[in-house]
Amino acid sequence: MSTEQNKANLRRFIEEGLNKGNMALVDEYIAPDAVDHALPPGLPPNREGFKMFFTAFRAAFPDMRYTIDEEIAEGDKVVHRVTGHGTMKGEFQGMPATGKHAAWTEMHIARFVNGKIAEHWANVDQVGMLQQLGLMPAPGG
């Protein structure tokens, strides 16, 4: 697959899969033997672990949405800088629902093989998110 096709596949996966909660697209866009380096401890670092994580995340943040702020691609890798938005209406990883809205930034690198994500890395501003949700004190607070 071309770099342009990989970019299009990742954009569709975010828009149709993650933003709309269409978990059927996980199998279409993530390889069965993919390795996910960004999942929390306790989850298998693979496609099934991603399904488990994102299903729980969308249950806690049912209005969750990603906006792609920047996209860079070269060879078999696509990099996205995204902004996530959502209201915490359910429990997530032992944290109680707060009813508060948060916006946070994320950086993702996806490596593609034959048009599917074969490897994934991410950095997420979890501290900023938790502070907005009232689950972590702000500095000096």
C-alpha atoms as a PDB file:
ATOM      1  CA  MET A   1       0.000   0.000   0.000  1.00  0.00           C
ATOM      2  CA  SER A   2       1.097   3.534  -0.617  1.00  0.00           C
ATOM      3  CA  THR A   3       1.753   6.133   2.055  1.00  0.00           C
ATOM      4  CA  GLU A   4      -1.325   8.013   0.819  1.00  0.00           C
ATOM      5  CA  GLN A   5      -3.493   4.909   1.221  1.00  0.00           C
ATOM      6  CA  ASN A   6      -2.144   4.329   4.739  1.00  0.00           C
ATOM      7  CA  LYS A   7      -3.042   7.932   5.637  1.00  0.00           C
ATOM      8  CA  ALA A   8      -6.546   7.476   4.240  1.00  0.00           C
ATOM      9  CA  ASN A   9      -6.971   4.183   6.140  1.00  0.00           C
ATOM     10  CA  LEU A  10      -5.942   5.753   9.446  1.00  0.00           C
ATOM     11  CA  ARG A  11      -8.212   8.772   8.942  1.00  0.00           C
ATOM     12  CA  ARG A  12     -11.174   6.492   8.175  1.00  0.00           C
ATOM     13  CA  PHE A  13     -10.383   4.304  11.193  1.00  0.00           C
ATOM     14  CA  ILE A  14     -10.429   7.377  13.449  1.00  0.00           C
ATOM     15  CA  GLU A  15     -13.542   8.954  11.932  1.00  0.00           C
ATOM     16  CA  GLU A  16     -15.688   5.871  11.384  1.00  0.00           C
ATOM     17  CA  GLY A  17     -14.255   3.497  13.969  1.00  0.00           C
ATOM     18  CA  LEU A  18     -13.149   5.477  17.002  1.00  0.00           C
ATOM     19  CA  ASN A  19     -15.336   8.584  16.743  1.00  0.00           C
ATOM     20  CA  LYS A  20     -18.491   6.622  15.892  1.00  0.00           C
ATOM     21  CA  GLY A  21     -17.687   3.590  18.025  1.00  0.00           C
ATOM     22  CA  ASN A  22     -17.724   1.145  15.098  1.00  0.00           C
ATOM     23  CA  MET A  23     -15.545  -1.549  16.632  1.00  0.00           C
ATOM     24  CA  ALA A  24     -16.059  -3.772  13.565  1.00  0.00           C
ATOM     25  CA  LEU A  25     -13.476  -1.563  11.845  1.00  0.00           C
ATOM     26  CA  VAL A  26     -10.818  -2.684  14.336  1.00  0.00           C
ATOM     27  CA  ASP A  27     -10.556  -6.021  12.530  1.00  0.00           C
ATOM     28  CA  GLU A  28     -10.529  -4.256   9.160  1.00  0.00           C
ATOM     29  CA  TYR A  29      -7.725  -1.800  10.004  1.00  0.00           C
ATOM     30  CA  ILE A  30      -5.607  -3.501  12.673  1.00  0.00           C
ATOM     31  CA  ALA A  31      -3.643  -6.630  11.747  1.00  0.00           C
ATOM     32  CA  PRO A  32      -4.391  -9.778  13.779  1.00  0.00           C
ATOM     33  CA  ASP A  33      -0.773  -9.927  14.956  1.00  0.00           C
ATOM     34  CA  ALA A  34      -0.416  -6.172  15.587  1.00  0.00           C
ATOM     35  CA  VAL A  35       1.559  -4.956  18.604  1.00  0.00           C
ATOM     36  CA  ASP A  36       0.159  -1.999  20.556  1.00  0.00           C
ATOM     37  CA  HIS A  37       2.828  -0.350  22.711  1.00  0.00           C
ATOM     38  CA  ALA A  38       0.366   2.186  24.181  1.00  0.00           C
ATOM     39  CA  LEU A  39      -2.149   0.042  26.056  1.00  0.00           C
ATOM     40  CA  PRO A  40      -2.239   0.219  29.853  1.00  0.00           C
ATOM     41  CA  PRO A  41      -0.717  -2.553  31.970  1.00  0.00           C
ATOM     42  CA  GLY A  42      -2.945  -5.572  32.393  1.00  0.00           C
ATOM     43  CA  LEU A  43      -4.257  -5.554  28.822  1.00  0.00           C
ATOM     44  CA  PRO A  44      -2.766  -7.734  26.114  1.00  0.00           C
ATOM     45  CA  PRO A  45      -0.691  -5.511  23.782  1.00  0.00           C
ATOM     46  CA  ASN A  46      -2.581  -6.602  20.674  1.00  0.00           C
ATOM     47  CA  ARG A  47      -5.757  -6.068  18.658  1.00  0.00           C
ATOM     48  CA  GLU A  48      -7.950  -7.723  21.303  1.00  0.00           C
ATOM     49  CA  GLY A  49      -6.422  -5.555  24.026  1.00  0.00           C
ATOM     50  CA  PHE A  50      -7.178  -2.476  21.943  1.00  0.00           C
ATOM     51  CA  LYS A  51     -10.817  -3.559  21.599  1.00  0.00           C
ATOM     52  CA  MET A  52     -11.066  -4.076  25.363  1.00  0.00           C
ATOM     53  CA  PHE A  53      -9.511  -0.683  26.127  1.00  0.00           C
ATOM     54  CA  PHE A  54     -11.442   1.355  23.608  1.00  0.00           C
ATOM     55  CA  THR A  55     -14.792  -0.283  24.390  1.00  0.00           C
ATOM     56  CA  ALA A  56     -14.316   0.645  28.075  1.00  0.00           C
ATOM     57  CA  PHE A  57     -13.086   4.141  27.150  1.00  0.00           C
ATOM     58  CA  ARG A  58     -16.128   4.852  24.952  1.00  0.00           C
ATOM     59  CA  ALA A  59     -18.434   3.538  27.689  1.00  0.00           C
ATOM     60  CA  ALA A  60     -16.905   6.060  30.112  1.00  0.00           C
ATOM     61  CA  PHE A  61     -16.802   8.870  27.503  1.00  0.00           C
ATOM     62  CA  PRO A  62     -19.788   8.169  25.215  1.00  0.00           C
ATOM     63  CA  ASP A  63     -19.456  11.524  23.417  1.00  0.00           C
ATOM     64  CA  MET A  64     -15.701  11.050  22.875  1.00  0.00           C
ATOM     65  CA  ARG A  65     -14.340  12.450  19.626  1.00  0.00           C
ATOM     66  CA  TYR A  66     -10.904  12.882  18.102  1.00  0.00           C
ATOM     67  CA  THR A  67      -9.953  15.764  15.845  1.00  0.00           C
ATOM     68  CA  ILE A  68      -6.864  15.257  13.708  1.00  0.00           C
ATOM     69  CA  ASP A  69      -4.764  18.388  14.142  1.00  0.00           C
ATOM     70  CA  GLU A  70      -1.730  17.332  12.145  1.00  0.00           C
ATOM     71  CA  GLU A  71      -0.692  14.401   9.977  1.00  0.00           C
ATOM     72  CA  ILE A  72       2.794  13.409   8.865  1.00  0.00           C
ATOM     73  CA  ALA A  73       3.606  10.281   6.903  1.00  0.00           C
ATOM     74  CA  GLU A  74       6.711   8.706   5.492  1.00  0.00           C
ATOM     75  CA  GLY A  75       7.215   5.204   4.210  1.00  0.00           C
ATOM     76  CA  ASP A  76       5.157   2.739   6.242  1.00  0.00           C
ATOM     77  CA  LYS A  77       4.469   5.111   9.171  1.00  0.00           C
ATOM     78  CA  VAL A  78       1.696   7.667   9.750  1.00  0.00           C
ATOM     79  CA  VAL A  79       1.904  10.138  12.648  1.00  0.00           C
ATOM     80  CA  HIS A  80      -1.112  12.002  14.001  1.00  0.00           C
ATOM     81  CA  ARG A  81      -1.322  14.792  16.537  1.00  0.00           C
ATOM     82  CA  VAL A  82      -4.914  14.731  17.727  1.00  0.00           C
ATOM     83  CA  THR A  83      -7.141  16.457  20.244  1.00  0.00           C
ATOM     84  CA  GLY A  84      -9.544  14.245  22.161  1.00  0.00           C
ATOM     85  CA  HIS A  85     -12.749  15.615  23.673  1.00  0.00           C
ATOM     86  CA  GLY A  86     -15.240  13.889  25.919  1.00  0.00           C
ATOM     87  CA  THR A  87     -17.489  13.985  28.960  1.00  0.00           C
ATOM     88  CA  MET A  88     -16.814  11.385  31.639  1.00  0.00           C
ATOM     89  CA  LYS A  89     -20.219   9.812  32.219  1.00  0.00           C
ATOM     90  CA  GLY A  90     -19.051   6.382  33.371  1.00  0.00           C
ATOM     91  CA  GLU A  91     -16.393   4.720  35.507  1.00  0.00           C
ATOM     92  CA  PHE A  92     -13.030   4.153  33.854  1.00  0.00           C
ATOM     93  CA  GLN A  93     -10.129   2.101  35.203  1.00  0.00           C
ATOM     94  CA  GLY A  94     -11.351   2.461  38.783  1.00  0.00           C
ATOM     95  CA  MET A  95     -12.044   6.217  38.502  1.00  0.00           C
ATOM     96  CA  PRO A  96     -15.626   7.303  39.159  1.00  0.00           C
ATOM     97  CA  ALA A  97     -17.596   9.264  36.579  1.00  0.00           C
ATOM     98  CA  THR A  98     -17.260  13.001  37.146  1.00  0.00           C
ATOM     99  CA  GLY A  99     -19.736  14.349  34.593  1.00  0.00           C
ATOM    100  CA  LYS A 100     -17.044  16.825  33.534  1.00  0.00           C
ATOM    101  CA  HIS A 101     -15.855  17.510  29.992  1.00  0.00           C
ATOM    102  CA  ALA A 102     -12.166  17.428  29.103  1.00  0.00           C
ATOM    103  CA  ALA A 103     -10.002  18.097  26.059  1.00  0.00           C
ATOM    104  CA  TRP A 104      -6.538  16.547  25.793  1.00  0.00           C
ATOM    105  CA  THR A 105      -3.791  16.043  23.250  1.00  0.00           C
ATOM    106  CA  GLU A 106      -2.377  12.798  21.913  1.00  0.00           C
ATOM    107  CA  MET A 107       0.400  11.815  19.516  1.00  0.00           C
ATOM    108  CA  HIS A 108       0.150   8.516  17.638  1.00  0.00           C
ATOM    109  CA  ILE A 109       2.515   6.621  15.364  1.00  0.00           C
ATOM    110  CA  ALA A 110       1.097   3.763  13.331  1.00  0.00           C
ATOM    111  CA  ARG A 111       3.251   1.427  11.256  1.00  0.00           C
ATOM    112  CA  PHE A 112       1.405  -0.226   8.389  1.00  0.00           C
ATOM    113  CA  VAL A 113       1.886  -3.557   6.643  1.00  0.00           C
ATOM    114  CA  ASN A 114      -0.374  -4.339   3.674  1.00  0.00           C
ATOM    115  CA  GLY A 115      -2.737  -1.484   4.552  1.00  0.00           C
ATOM    116  CA  LYS A 116      -3.288  -2.521   8.179  1.00  0.00           C
ATOM    117  CA  ILE A 117      -1.828  -1.187  11.405  1.00  0.00           C
ATOM    118  CA  ALA A 118       0.912  -3.596  12.454  1.00  0.00           C
ATOM    119  CA  GLU A 119       2.381  -1.536  15.297  1.00  0.00           C
ATOM    120  CA  HIS A 120       1.205   1.458  17.345  1.00  0.00           C
ATOM    121  CA  TRP A 121       2.830   3.876  19.793  1.00  0.00           C
ATOM    122  CA  ALA A 122       1.215   6.839  21.583  1.00  0.00           C
ATOM    123  CA  ASN A 123       1.754   9.645  24.072  1.00  0.00           C
ATOM    124  CA  VAL A 124      -1.332  11.029  25.802  1.00  0.00           C
ATOM    125  CA  ASP A 125      -1.671  14.069  28.066  1.00  0.00           C
ATOM    126  CA  GLN A 126      -3.301  12.023  30.813  1.00  0.00           C
ATOM    127  CA  VAL A 127      -2.323  14.496  33.555  1.00  0.00           C
ATOM    128  CA  GLY A 128      -4.082  17.376  31.793  1.00  0.00           C
ATOM    129  CA  MET A 129      -7.120  15.203  31.199  1.00  0.00           C
ATOM    130  CA  LEU A 130      -7.311  14.031  34.827  1.00  0.00           C
ATOM    131  CA  GLN A 131      -6.915  17.600  36.104  1.00  0.00           C
ATOM    132  CA  GLN A 132      -9.817  18.814  33.938  1.00  0.00           C
ATOM    133  CA  LEU A 133     -11.945  15.916  35.158  1.00  0.00           C
ATOM    134  CA  GLY A 134     -11.202  16.829  38.785  1.00  0.00           C
ATOM    135  CA  LEU A 135      -9.434  13.524  39.422  1.00  0.00           C
ATOM    136  CA  MET A 136      -5.967  15.020  39.957  1.00  0.00           C
ATOM    137  CA  PRO A 137      -5.065  18.340  41.581  1.00  0.00           C
ATOM    138  CA  ALA A 138      -3.591  21.076  39.406  1.00  0.00           C
ATOM    139  CA  PRO A 139      -0.003  22.122  40.234  1.00  0.00           C
ATOM    140  CA  GLY A 140       0.042  24.378  43.269  1.00  0.00           C
ATOM    141  CA  GLY A 141      -3.555  23.382  44.002  1.00  0.00           C
END
